Amino acid sequence: SNKDYHLWILDIMLGDDISGYDIIKKLRLNSATKRLPVIMVTAKSTELDMIKGLEDGADDYIKKPFSVMELITRVKALLRRSYYLNNNNSSEESDLINVGSLTIDKTRHRVVADGEEISLTAREFDILYLMASNKGRVFSSEEIFEKVWKEKYFQSNNTVMVHISRLRDKLDKHLNGEKIIHTVWGVGYKIEK
């Protein structure tokens, strides 16, 4: 349809023929919808289901049963971030950060490697920008989660690990083996100068 959507809320269990996973893959492949914020909703509560949703490109994940206020809060937070990142096209100079052959443009919410744009979700961009704007500093998963999701970190939360893994995969495809995000074992992640 030609309607303008600002955010998608997708239930994983939609019917026999299609799942939320299928839809999110299509959204991320379509240039018109690849940056739309997506929240996955599911009654499935296993970590593997959550990881699959995030790997397929979801920005956030909420388990049933949930309160309406929790959903509204998450929707507002994602819309706020998405609106700011996609509409902050003021005439001021772009806020550019270079890391190796990568250029991160905060104002236009773009990441470019050798002239080719890398398509990232809002969360992936936020994680990359956080580390790139603090080169050399090691961020723990807890710190990344609290700064990017702006929520309290909870135990055994693999959300950051999944997003970093997906982010690395996307960067690796464009950087010919050049490593941008480094793991500091037992501590966290960093981007070197």
Protein backbone atom coordinates (compact mmCIF):
# COMPACT_ATOMS: atom_id res chain seq x y z
CA SER A 1 0.00 0.00 0.00
CA ASN A 2 1.07 3.62 -0.45
CA LYS A 3 0.43 4.65 3.14
CA ASP A 4 3.30 6.15 5.11
CA TYR A 5 4.22 4.05 8.11
CA HIS A 6 6.37 5.38 10.93
CA LEU A 7 6.85 2.15 12.88
CA TRP A 8 5.87 -1.51 12.62
CA ILE A 9 4.75 -3.72 15.50
CA LEU A 10 4.98 -7.33 14.34
CA ASP A 11 3.71 -10.42 16.08
CA ILE A 12 5.90 -13.44 15.30
CA MET A 13 2.88 -15.75 15.17
CA LEU A 14 0.71 -14.40 12.33
CA GLY A 15 -0.71 -17.53 10.74
CA ASP A 16 0.20 -20.78 9.05
CA ASP A 17 1.61 -19.26 5.87
CA ILE A 18 3.65 -16.32 7.15
CA SER A 19 5.46 -15.21 10.28
CA GLY A 20 6.71 -11.91 11.65
CA TYR A 21 10.22 -13.11 10.78
CA ASP A 22 9.23 -13.34 7.09
CA ILE A 23 7.78 -9.84 7.09
CA ILE A 24 10.74 -8.20 8.79
CA LYS A 25 13.12 -9.76 6.25
CA LYS A 26 11.02 -8.24 3.43
CA LEU A 27 10.95 -4.84 5.18
CA ARG A 28 14.74 -4.80 5.55
CA LEU A 29 15.28 -5.72 1.87
CA ASN A 30 12.99 -2.93 0.60
CA SER A 31 14.77 0.43 0.25
CA ALA A 32 11.60 2.31 1.26
CA THR A 33 11.20 0.43 4.55
CA LYS A 34 14.72 -0.73 5.44
CA ARG A 35 15.11 1.95 8.14
CA LEU A 36 11.60 1.77 9.62
CA PRO A 37 11.68 0.97 13.35
CA VAL A 38 10.29 -2.51 14.11
CA ILE A 39 9.15 -3.95 17.44
CA MET A 40 8.65 -7.72 17.55
CA VAL A 41 5.88 -9.06 19.79
CA THR A 42 5.68 -12.69 20.79
CA ALA A 43 4.28 -15.13 23.30
CA LYS A 44 7.44 -17.17 22.78
CA SER A 45 9.81 -16.31 25.55
CA THR A 46 12.94 -18.26 24.77
CA GLU A 47 16.19 -16.41 24.23
CA LEU A 48 16.56 -18.06 20.81
CA ASP A 49 13.29 -16.49 19.61
CA MET A 50 14.44 -13.08 20.79
CA ILE A 51 17.84 -13.50 19.13
CA LYS A 52 16.24 -14.60 15.84
CA GLY A 53 13.98 -11.52 15.83
CA LEU A 54 16.91 -9.19 16.49
CA GLU A 55 19.10 -10.93 13.91
CA ASP A 56 16.37 -10.52 11.31
CA GLY A 57 16.50 -6.76 11.89
CA ALA A 58 14.08 -5.92 14.72
CA ASP A 59 15.01 -2.84 16.76
CA ASP A 60 13.22 -3.97 19.89
CA TYR A 61 11.42 -6.98 21.32
CA ILE A 62 8.51 -7.28 23.73
CA LYS A 63 7.12 -10.47 25.30
CA LYS A 64 3.47 -11.25 25.95
CA PRO A 65 1.86 -10.56 28.27
CA PHE A 66 2.92 -6.92 28.39
CA SER A 67 1.32 -3.78 29.73
CA VAL A 68 -0.06 -1.21 27.31
CA MET A 69 2.10 1.42 29.03
CA GLU A 70 5.26 -0.62 28.40
CA LEU A 71 4.39 -0.92 24.71
CA ILE A 72 3.58 2.80 24.43
CA THR A 73 6.85 3.71 26.13
CA ARG A 74 8.87 1.53 23.76
CA VAL A 75 7.01 2.87 20.71
CA LYS A 76 7.56 6.48 21.78
CA ALA A 77 11.27 5.88 22.44
CA LEU A 78 11.81 4.25 19.03
CA LEU A 79 9.80 6.92 17.19
CA ARG A 80 11.67 9.70 18.97
CA ARG A 81 15.04 8.22 18.00
CA SER A 82 13.94 7.45 14.44
CA TYR A 83 12.44 10.92 13.92
CA TYR A 84 15.54 12.63 15.27
CA LEU A 85 17.95 10.55 13.20
CA ASN A 86 15.99 10.79 9.95
CA ASN A 87 14.85 14.41 10.15
CA ASN A 88 17.82 16.17 11.64
CA ASN A 89 18.70 17.66 8.26
CA SER A 90 19.53 21.16 9.42
CA SER A 91 21.85 23.34 7.41
CA GLU A 92 24.66 22.90 9.91
CA GLU A 93 27.64 20.87 8.82
CA SER A 94 27.38 17.11 9.08
CA ASP A 95 28.82 15.51 12.17
CA LEU A 96 31.25 13.10 10.49
CA ILE A 97 33.43 10.48 12.17
CA ASN A 98 36.00 8.48 10.22
CA VAL A 99 37.16 5.04 11.35
CA GLY A 100 39.51 3.44 8.85
CA SER A 101 37.71 3.45 5.50
CA LEU A 102 34.35 3.98 7.24
CA THR A 103 32.59 7.36 7.42
CA ILE A 104 29.79 7.77 9.97
CA ASP A 105 27.48 10.75 9.34
CA LYS A 106 25.40 11.47 12.43
CA THR A 107 23.31 14.24 10.88
CA ARG A 108 22.19 12.15 7.91
CA HIS A 109 22.22 8.86 9.81
CA ARG A 110 24.42 7.25 7.14
CA VAL A 111 27.41 4.94 7.22
CA VAL A 112 29.54 4.79 4.08
CA ALA A 113 32.51 2.58 3.16
CA ASP A 114 34.40 3.48 -0.01
CA GLY A 115 31.42 5.39 -1.39
CA GLU A 116 28.94 2.59 -0.71
CA GLU A 117 26.25 3.07 1.94
CA ILE A 118 25.86 0.35 4.56
CA SER A 119 22.26 -0.19 5.60
CA LEU A 120 21.94 -0.27 9.40
CA THR A 121 18.95 -0.35 11.73
CA ALA A 122 18.52 2.55 14.18
CA ARG A 123 19.94 0.47 17.04
CA GLU A 124 22.95 -0.70 15.01
CA PHE A 125 23.71 2.88 14.02
CA ASP A 126 23.42 4.07 17.64
CA ILE A 127 25.84 1.38 18.87
CA LEU A 128 28.36 2.15 16.12
CA TYR A 129 28.12 5.91 16.69
CA LEU A 130 28.47 5.54 20.47
CA MET A 131 31.74 3.62 20.16
CA ALA A 132 33.12 5.60 17.20
CA SER A 133 32.59 8.89 19.01
CA ASN A 134 34.52 7.50 22.00
CA LYS A 135 37.45 5.85 20.20
CA GLY A 136 39.69 3.71 22.37
CA ARG A 137 37.16 3.51 25.18
CA VAL A 138 35.90 0.05 26.15
CA PHE A 139 32.14 -0.24 26.60
CA SER A 140 30.60 -3.14 28.52
CA SER A 141 27.39 -4.74 27.19
CA GLU A 142 25.58 -3.22 30.16
CA GLU A 143 26.84 0.27 29.35
CA ILE A 144 25.96 -0.04 25.65
CA PHE A 145 22.47 -1.30 26.51
CA GLU A 146 21.77 1.50 28.99
CA LYS A 147 23.09 4.24 26.66
CA VAL A 148 21.44 2.98 23.45
CA TRP A 149 18.19 1.47 24.75
CA LYS A 150 17.98 3.98 27.62
CA GLU A 151 16.68 1.24 29.90
CA LYS A 152 18.08 -0.62 32.89
CA TYR A 153 20.16 -3.64 31.89
CA PHE A 154 18.92 -7.01 33.12
CA GLN A 155 20.89 -10.16 33.82
CA SER A 156 21.69 -12.62 31.01
CA ASN A 157 20.69 -10.12 28.36
CA ASN A 158 22.20 -11.08 24.99
CA THR A 159 20.58 -8.19 23.10
CA VAL A 160 23.82 -6.19 22.75
CA MET A 161 25.84 -9.23 21.71
CA VAL A 162 23.32 -10.04 18.95
CA HIS A 163 23.28 -6.46 17.66
CA ILE A 164 27.10 -6.24 17.66
CA SER A 165 27.34 -9.57 15.84
CA ARG A 166 24.89 -8.37 13.18
CA LEU A 167 26.65 -5.01 12.93
CA ARG A 168 30.01 -6.73 12.44
CA ASP A 169 28.55 -8.96 9.70
CA LYS A 170 27.28 -5.90 7.81
CA LEU A 171 30.56 -4.00 8.21
CA ASP A 172 32.67 -7.05 7.22
CA LYS A 173 30.82 -7.33 3.90
CA HIS A 174 32.00 -3.83 2.94
CA LEU A 175 35.42 -3.59 4.59
CA ASN A 176 37.41 -6.47 3.07
CA GLY A 177 38.63 -7.88 6.38
CA GLU A 178 39.26 -4.51 8.05
CA LYS A 179 38.11 -4.89 11.67
CA ILE A 180 36.34 -1.91 13.21
CA ILE A 181 34.77 -3.27 16.42
CA HIS A 182 37.20 -5.05 18.72
CA THR A 183 36.27 -7.37 21.58
CA VAL A 184 38.11 -6.90 24.87
CA TRP A 185 37.51 -10.31 26.41
CA GLY A 186 35.73 -10.23 29.76
CA VAL A 187 35.25 -6.45 29.53
CA GLY A 188 33.36 -5.36 26.42
CA TYR A 189 33.81 -3.74 23.01
CA LYS A 190 35.71 -0.82 21.55
CA ILE A 191 36.61 0.97 18.35
CA GLU A 192 40.26 1.96 18.05
CA LYS A 193 41.48 5.37 16.90
